[in-house]
Amino acid sequence: MPIRPNAPMPIELRHFMRAGQHPSRSVACPHCGAAAHRPCRVPATGRTLDATHPARRSVWAETTAVCPHCQVAPGTPCHTDGIPLPNEVHARRYLEAEEMAA
């Protein structure tokens, strides 16, 4: 009987099957340069971290969720009175992204 290779797992399922990892690991970290699906690390020493950097969580929330506060689409930075927020998102956008990931 010939051995058949396993079918590749869809990306949508792969994120949910990664037990114990924060969903923000699906994007690259702008702080330490860790690639997508790799743990964050301390830039000076290279030591890996258990948690992700706040900048990585901001990028993840921005790319995956709509902001209920300023009503912008995924991929668009949050703003206050038309002025983009520098490297951060509204707290409600984090909550929206967490709900979508659950």
Protein backbone atom coordinates (compact mmCIF):
# COMPACT_ATOMS: atom_id res chain seq x y z
CA MET A 1 0.00 0.00 0.00
CA PRO A 2 1.58 3.32 -1.05
CA ILE A 3 2.16 6.02 1.56
CA ARG A 4 0.15 9.14 0.85
CA PRO A 5 1.39 12.52 2.12
CA ASN A 6 -0.84 14.38 4.53
CA ALA A 7 -2.92 17.24 3.22
CA PRO A 8 -1.63 20.70 4.19
CA MET A 9 -3.52 22.34 7.05
CA PRO A 10 -5.41 25.51 6.07
CA ILE A 11 -3.93 28.69 7.52
CA GLU A 12 -7.21 29.55 9.27
CA LEU A 13 -7.02 26.32 11.28
CA ARG A 14 -3.27 26.46 11.84
CA HIS A 15 -3.56 29.65 13.93
CA PHE A 16 -6.15 28.08 16.22
CA MET A 17 -4.22 24.84 16.59
CA ARG A 18 -1.07 26.53 17.94
CA ALA A 19 -1.80 25.87 21.60
CA GLY A 20 -0.50 28.35 24.13
CA GLN A 21 0.61 30.97 21.63
CA HIS A 22 -0.84 34.44 21.38
CA PRO A 23 -2.47 35.05 17.98
CA SER A 24 -0.24 38.12 17.50
CA ARG A 25 2.60 35.72 16.63
CA SER A 26 0.97 35.43 13.19
CA VAL A 27 2.65 38.74 12.20
CA ALA A 28 6.30 39.79 12.26
CA CYS A 29 7.47 41.81 15.27
CA PRO A 30 8.51 45.38 14.42
CA HIS A 31 10.38 45.73 17.73
CA CYS A 32 12.77 42.77 17.67
CA GLY A 33 12.44 41.64 14.04
CA ALA A 34 11.12 38.16 14.86
CA ALA A 35 9.50 36.54 11.85
CA ALA A 36 5.85 35.53 11.80
CA HIS A 37 5.13 32.46 13.99
CA ARG A 38 8.50 32.84 15.76
CA PRO A 39 8.83 33.99 19.39
CA CYS A 40 9.86 37.52 20.26
CA ARG A 41 13.37 37.97 21.56
CA VAL A 42 15.45 40.52 23.39
CA PRO A 43 17.38 42.38 20.67
CA ALA A 44 20.50 42.90 22.79
CA THR A 45 20.93 39.30 23.97
CA GLY A 46 18.85 37.21 21.58
CA ARG A 47 17.02 35.55 24.50
CA THR A 48 13.52 34.40 23.49
CA LEU A 49 10.50 35.69 25.38
CA ASP A 50 7.34 33.88 26.44
CA ALA A 51 5.14 36.90 25.67
CA THR A 52 4.99 39.10 22.59
CA HIS A 53 6.10 42.73 22.45
CA PRO A 54 3.35 45.37 22.69
CA ALA A 55 4.30 46.69 19.23
CA ARG A 56 3.63 43.25 17.76
CA ARG A 57 0.22 43.10 19.42
CA SER A 58 -0.57 46.57 18.00
CA VAL A 59 0.36 45.51 14.47
CA TRP A 60 -1.70 42.34 14.84
CA ALA A 61 -4.76 44.21 16.11
CA GLU A 62 -4.41 46.79 13.33
CA THR A 63 -4.22 44.16 10.58
CA THR A 64 -7.03 41.92 11.83
CA ALA A 65 -9.74 44.03 13.45
CA VAL A 66 -11.99 46.99 12.74
CA CYS A 67 -11.60 49.75 15.32
CA PRO A 68 -14.96 50.41 17.00
CA HIS A 69 -13.66 53.71 18.40
CA CYS A 70 -12.54 55.50 15.21
CA GLN A 71 -14.37 53.24 12.69
CA VAL A 72 -11.41 52.32 10.47
CA ALA A 73 -11.04 49.12 8.48
CA PRO A 74 -8.42 46.43 9.15
CA GLY A 75 -5.01 47.56 7.95
CA THR A 76 -5.76 51.25 8.53
CA PRO A 77 -4.07 52.96 11.51
CA CYS A 78 -6.23 54.33 14.31
CA HIS A 79 -6.61 58.09 14.48
CA THR A 80 -7.82 60.85 16.78
CA ASP A 81 -9.54 63.73 15.00
CA GLY A 82 -7.88 62.70 11.74
CA ILE A 83 -4.36 62.53 13.19
CA PRO A 84 -2.94 58.98 13.07
CA LEU A 85 -1.83 57.50 16.39
CA PRO A 86 1.92 56.75 16.32
CA ASN A 87 2.57 53.00 16.64
CA GLU A 88 -0.51 52.24 18.73
CA VAL A 89 -4.18 51.35 18.45
CA HIS A 90 -7.22 52.07 20.60
CA ALA A 91 -7.90 49.67 23.48
CA ARG A 92 -11.27 48.73 21.99
CA ARG A 93 -9.49 47.48 18.86
CA TYR A 94 -7.46 45.06 20.98
CA LEU A 95 -10.70 43.71 22.43
CA GLU A 96 -12.22 43.35 18.97
CA ALA A 97 -9.15 41.47 17.71
CA GLU A 98 -9.19 39.15 20.74
CA GLU A 99 -12.89 38.38 20.17
CA MET A 100 -12.22 37.59 16.51
CA ALA A 101 -9.37 35.24 17.45
CA ALA A 102 -11.46 33.37 20.03
